[in-house]
């Protein structure tokens, strides 16, 4: 009886190790995919930022006007919220 128990424990140890290795490989793949996604998003943000800077440099009046209108709108909203 004890011999059977030892034999089943020996079988379960390699399978548990194998399962652990498979899980670790799965996590490593997930981490790699997340790193790739992070790099893609970072590149996209940098591209959009450069594009926005170029636009503002070529159209400075519109940039100032948009900022001014945004400030007025924000002031109006905060003023309404402050009165309550």
N, C-alpha and C. Protein backbone atom coordinates (compact mmCIF):
# COMPACT_ATOMS: atom_id res chain seq x y z
N UNK A 1 0.82 -1.19 0.00
CA UNK A 1 0.00 0.00 0.00
C UNK A 1 0.87 1.25 0.00
N UNK A 2 1.87 1.27 0.87
CA UNK A 2 2.77 2.42 0.93
C UNK A 2 3.56 2.54 -0.36
N UNK A 3 3.87 1.39 -0.97
CA UNK A 3 4.62 1.38 -2.22
C UNK A 3 3.81 2.06 -3.33
N UNK A 4 2.50 1.82 -3.37
CA UNK A 4 1.63 2.45 -4.36
C UNK A 4 1.57 3.96 -4.14
N UNK A 5 1.52 4.34 -2.88
CA UNK A 5 1.44 5.76 -2.54
C UNK A 5 2.71 6.49 -3.00
N UNK A 6 3.86 5.88 -2.76
CA UNK A 6 5.12 6.48 -3.18
C UNK A 6 5.18 6.57 -4.69
N UNK A 7 4.69 5.56 -5.37
CA UNK A 7 4.71 5.55 -6.82
C UNK A 7 3.82 6.66 -7.39
N UNK A 8 2.65 6.87 -6.77
CA UNK A 8 1.75 7.92 -7.26
C UNK A 8 2.34 9.31 -6.97
N UNK A 9 3.05 9.46 -5.86
CA UNK A 9 3.70 10.73 -5.54
C UNK A 9 4.80 11.04 -6.55
N UNK A 10 5.54 10.01 -6.96
CA UNK A 10 6.59 10.20 -7.95
C UNK A 10 6.01 10.65 -9.28
N UNK A 11 4.86 10.10 -9.64
CA UNK A 11 4.21 10.49 -10.88
C UNK A 11 3.69 11.92 -10.80
N UNK A 12 3.16 12.30 -9.66
CA UNK A 12 2.55 13.62 -9.54
C UNK A 12 3.59 14.73 -9.53
N UNK A 13 4.78 14.46 -9.01
CA UNK A 13 5.81 15.49 -8.97
C UNK A 13 6.23 15.96 -10.35
N UNK A 14 6.55 15.03 -11.28
CA UNK A 14 6.93 15.50 -12.62
C UNK A 14 5.78 16.21 -13.34
N UNK A 15 4.56 15.74 -13.14
CA UNK A 15 3.44 16.39 -13.82
C UNK A 15 3.22 17.79 -13.25
N UNK A 16 3.41 17.95 -11.95
CA UNK A 16 3.26 19.28 -11.36
C UNK A 16 4.35 20.20 -11.86
N UNK A 17 5.57 19.70 -11.95
CA UNK A 17 6.67 20.50 -12.48
C UNK A 17 6.39 20.88 -13.92
N UNK A 18 5.87 19.94 -14.67
CA UNK A 18 5.56 20.19 -16.08
C UNK A 18 4.48 21.27 -16.20
N UNK A 19 3.47 21.17 -15.35
CA UNK A 19 2.40 22.17 -15.37
C UNK A 19 2.93 23.55 -14.99
N UNK A 20 3.82 23.57 -14.01
CA UNK A 20 4.40 24.85 -13.59
C UNK A 20 5.21 25.47 -14.72
N UNK A 21 5.99 24.65 -15.42
CA UNK A 21 6.78 25.15 -16.54
C UNK A 21 5.89 25.68 -17.66
N UNK A 22 4.80 24.97 -17.92
CA UNK A 22 3.86 25.41 -18.96
C UNK A 22 3.23 26.75 -18.58
N UNK A 23 2.86 26.89 -17.31
CA UNK A 23 2.28 28.16 -16.85
C UNK A 23 3.29 29.29 -16.97
N UNK A 24 4.54 29.00 -16.59
CA UNK A 24 5.58 30.02 -16.68
C UNK A 24 5.79 30.44 -18.14
N UNK A 25 5.80 29.47 -19.05
CA UNK A 25 5.95 29.79 -20.47
C UNK A 25 4.78 30.64 -20.96
N UNK A 26 3.60 30.32 -20.49
CA UNK A 26 2.42 31.10 -20.86
C UNK A 26 2.53 32.53 -20.36
N UNK A 27 2.99 32.70 -19.13
CA UNK A 27 3.17 34.04 -18.58
C UNK A 27 4.26 34.80 -19.33
N UNK A 28 5.32 34.11 -19.71
CA UNK A 28 6.39 34.76 -20.45
C UNK A 28 5.89 35.24 -21.81
N UNK A 29 5.07 34.41 -22.47
CA UNK A 29 4.49 34.82 -23.75
C UNK A 29 3.60 36.04 -23.57
N UNK A 30 2.81 36.03 -22.50
CA UNK A 30 1.93 37.16 -22.22
C UNK A 30 2.74 38.42 -21.97
N UNK A 31 3.80 38.31 -21.20
CA UNK A 31 4.65 39.47 -20.91
C UNK A 31 5.27 40.00 -22.19
N UNK A 32 5.73 39.10 -23.06
CA UNK A 32 6.32 39.53 -24.33
C UNK A 32 5.29 40.26 -25.20
N UNK A 33 4.07 39.73 -25.25
CA UNK A 33 3.02 40.40 -26.02
C UNK A 33 2.71 41.78 -25.45
N UNK A 34 2.66 41.88 -24.12
CA UNK A 34 2.39 43.18 -23.49
C UNK A 34 3.52 44.17 -23.77
N UNK A 35 4.75 43.70 -23.77
CA UNK A 35 5.88 44.59 -24.08
C UNK A 35 5.79 45.09 -25.51
N UNK A 36 5.42 44.21 -26.44
CA UNK A 36 5.26 44.61 -27.83
C UNK A 36 4.14 45.65 -27.96
N UNK A 37 3.04 45.40 -27.29
CA UNK A 37 1.91 46.34 -27.32
C UNK A 37 2.31 47.68 -26.73
N UNK A 38 3.09 47.66 -25.65
CA UNK A 38 3.56 48.90 -25.03
C UNK A 38 4.42 49.68 -26.01
N UNK A 39 5.31 49.00 -26.71
CA UNK A 39 6.18 49.67 -27.67
C UNK A 39 5.36 50.28 -28.81
N UNK A 40 4.36 49.55 -29.29
CA UNK A 40 3.51 50.07 -30.36
C UNK A 40 2.74 51.31 -29.90
N UNK A 41 2.18 51.25 -28.70
CA UNK A 41 1.44 52.40 -28.18
C UNK A 41 2.36 53.60 -27.96
N UNK A 42 3.57 53.35 -27.47
CA UNK A 42 4.52 54.42 -27.25
C UNK A 42 4.88 55.09 -28.58
N UNK A 43 5.11 54.29 -29.61
CA UNK A 43 5.41 54.84 -30.93
C UNK A 43 4.24 55.66 -31.47
N UNK A 44 3.04 55.16 -31.27
CA UNK A 44 1.85 55.87 -31.75
C UNK A 44 1.68 57.20 -31.02
N UNK A 45 1.88 57.19 -29.70
CA UNK A 45 1.78 58.43 -28.94
C UNK A 45 2.84 59.44 -29.37
N UNK A 46 4.06 58.98 -29.58
CA UNK A 46 5.12 59.88 -30.02
C UNK A 46 4.80 60.47 -31.39
N UNK A 47 4.27 59.64 -32.28
CA UNK A 47 3.90 60.10 -33.62
C UNK A 47 2.80 61.16 -33.53
N UNK A 48 1.76 60.90 -32.72
CA UNK A 48 0.67 61.86 -32.57
C UNK A 48 1.15 63.16 -31.95
N UNK A 49 2.04 63.05 -30.97
CA UNK A 49 2.58 64.24 -30.32
C UNK A 49 3.36 65.10 -31.32
N UNK A 50 4.21 64.46 -32.12
CA UNK A 50 4.98 65.21 -33.13
C UNK A 50 4.05 65.85 -34.15
N UNK A 51 3.01 65.13 -34.54
CA UNK A 51 2.07 65.67 -35.51
C UNK A 51 1.33 66.88 -34.94
N UNK A 52 0.94 66.81 -33.68
CA UNK A 52 0.25 67.93 -33.04
C UNK A 52 1.19 69.14 -32.93
N UNK A 53 2.43 68.90 -32.59
CA UNK A 53 3.40 70.01 -32.50
C UNK A 53 3.61 70.66 -33.87
N UNK A 54 3.70 69.85 -34.91
CA UNK A 54 3.86 70.39 -36.27
C UNK A 54 2.64 71.24 -36.66
N UNK A 55 1.46 70.73 -36.31
CA UNK A 55 0.24 71.47 -36.66
C UNK A 55 0.21 72.83 -35.96
N UNK A 56 0.54 72.84 -34.69
CA UNK A 56 0.51 74.10 -33.94
C UNK A 56 1.57 75.05 -34.47
N UNK A 57 2.72 74.54 -34.87
CA UNK A 57 3.76 75.42 -35.42
C UNK A 57 3.35 76.01 -36.76
N UNK A 58 2.61 75.25 -37.56
CA UNK A 58 2.19 75.77 -38.86
C UNK A 58 0.93 76.62 -38.76
N UNK A 59 0.13 76.43 -37.72
CA UNK A 59 -1.10 77.20 -37.52
C UNK A 59 -1.14 77.76 -36.09
N UNK A 60 -0.26 78.71 -35.75
CA UNK A 60 -0.20 79.19 -34.36
C UNK A 60 -1.46 79.93 -33.92
N UNK A 61 -2.10 80.66 -34.86
CA UNK A 61 -3.30 81.42 -34.47
C UNK A 61 -4.42 80.47 -34.04
N UNK A 62 -4.59 79.40 -34.78
CA UNK A 62 -5.64 78.44 -34.45
C UNK A 62 -5.35 77.76 -33.11
N UNK A 63 -4.10 77.47 -32.85
CA UNK A 63 -3.72 76.85 -31.59
C UNK A 63 -4.04 77.75 -30.40
N UNK A 64 -3.72 79.03 -30.54
CA UNK A 64 -4.01 79.99 -29.46
C UNK A 64 -5.51 80.14 -29.31
N UNK A 65 -6.23 80.23 -30.43
CA UNK A 65 -7.69 80.38 -30.37
C UNK A 65 -8.34 79.17 -29.70
N UNK A 66 -7.90 77.98 -30.05
CA UNK A 66 -8.47 76.77 -29.44
C UNK A 66 -8.18 76.74 -27.94
N UNK A 67 -6.96 77.11 -27.55
CA UNK A 67 -6.62 77.17 -26.13
C UNK A 67 -7.46 78.20 -25.39
N UNK A 68 -7.66 79.36 -26.02
CA UNK A 68 -8.47 80.42 -25.41
C UNK A 68 -9.92 79.97 -25.23
N UNK A 69 -10.48 79.37 -26.28
CA UNK A 69 -11.88 78.91 -26.20
C UNK A 69 -12.02 77.78 -25.17
N UNK A 70 -11.03 76.91 -25.10
CA UNK A 70 -11.07 75.84 -24.09
C UNK A 70 -11.02 76.42 -22.69
N UNK A 71 -10.22 77.46 -22.49
CA UNK A 71 -10.15 78.11 -21.18
C UNK A 71 -11.46 78.77 -20.80
N UNK A 72 -12.10 79.42 -21.75
CA UNK A 72 -13.41 80.04 -21.49
C UNK A 72 -14.43 78.97 -21.13
N UNK A 73 -14.46 77.89 -21.90
CA UNK A 73 -15.42 76.81 -21.63
C UNK A 73 -15.17 76.19 -20.25
N UNK A 74 -13.91 75.95 -19.93
CA UNK A 74 -13.58 75.37 -18.62
C UNK A 74 -13.95 76.33 -17.49
N UNK A 75 -13.67 77.62 -17.67
CA UNK A 75 -14.05 78.62 -16.66
C UNK A 75 -15.55 78.68 -16.47
N UNK A 76 -16.30 78.60 -17.56
CA UNK A 76 -17.76 78.63 -17.47
C UNK A 76 -18.28 77.42 -16.70
N UNK A 77 -17.75 76.25 -17.02
CA UNK A 77 -18.19 75.02 -16.35
C UNK A 77 -17.85 75.07 -14.87
N UNK A 78 -16.62 75.46 -14.55
CA UNK A 78 -16.22 75.53 -13.14
C UNK A 78 -17.00 76.60 -12.40
N UNK A 79 -17.34 77.71 -13.08
CA UNK A 79 -18.14 78.74 -12.46
C UNK A 79 -19.53 78.24 -12.11
N UNK A 80 -20.13 77.47 -13.01
CA UNK A 80 -21.47 76.92 -12.75
C UNK A 80 -21.41 75.91 -11.61
N UNK A 81 -20.38 75.10 -11.57
CA UNK A 81 -20.26 74.10 -10.50
C UNK A 81 -19.96 74.76 -9.15
N UNK A 82 -19.27 75.87 -9.19
CA UNK A 82 -18.91 76.55 -7.94
C UNK A 82 -20.07 77.26 -7.27
N UNK A 83 -21.05 77.62 -8.04
CA UNK A 83 -22.21 78.34 -7.49
C UNK A 83 -23.15 77.44 -6.72
N UNK A 84 -23.13 76.17 -7.03
CA UNK A 84 -24.08 75.24 -6.39
C UNK A 84 -23.69 74.90 -5.02
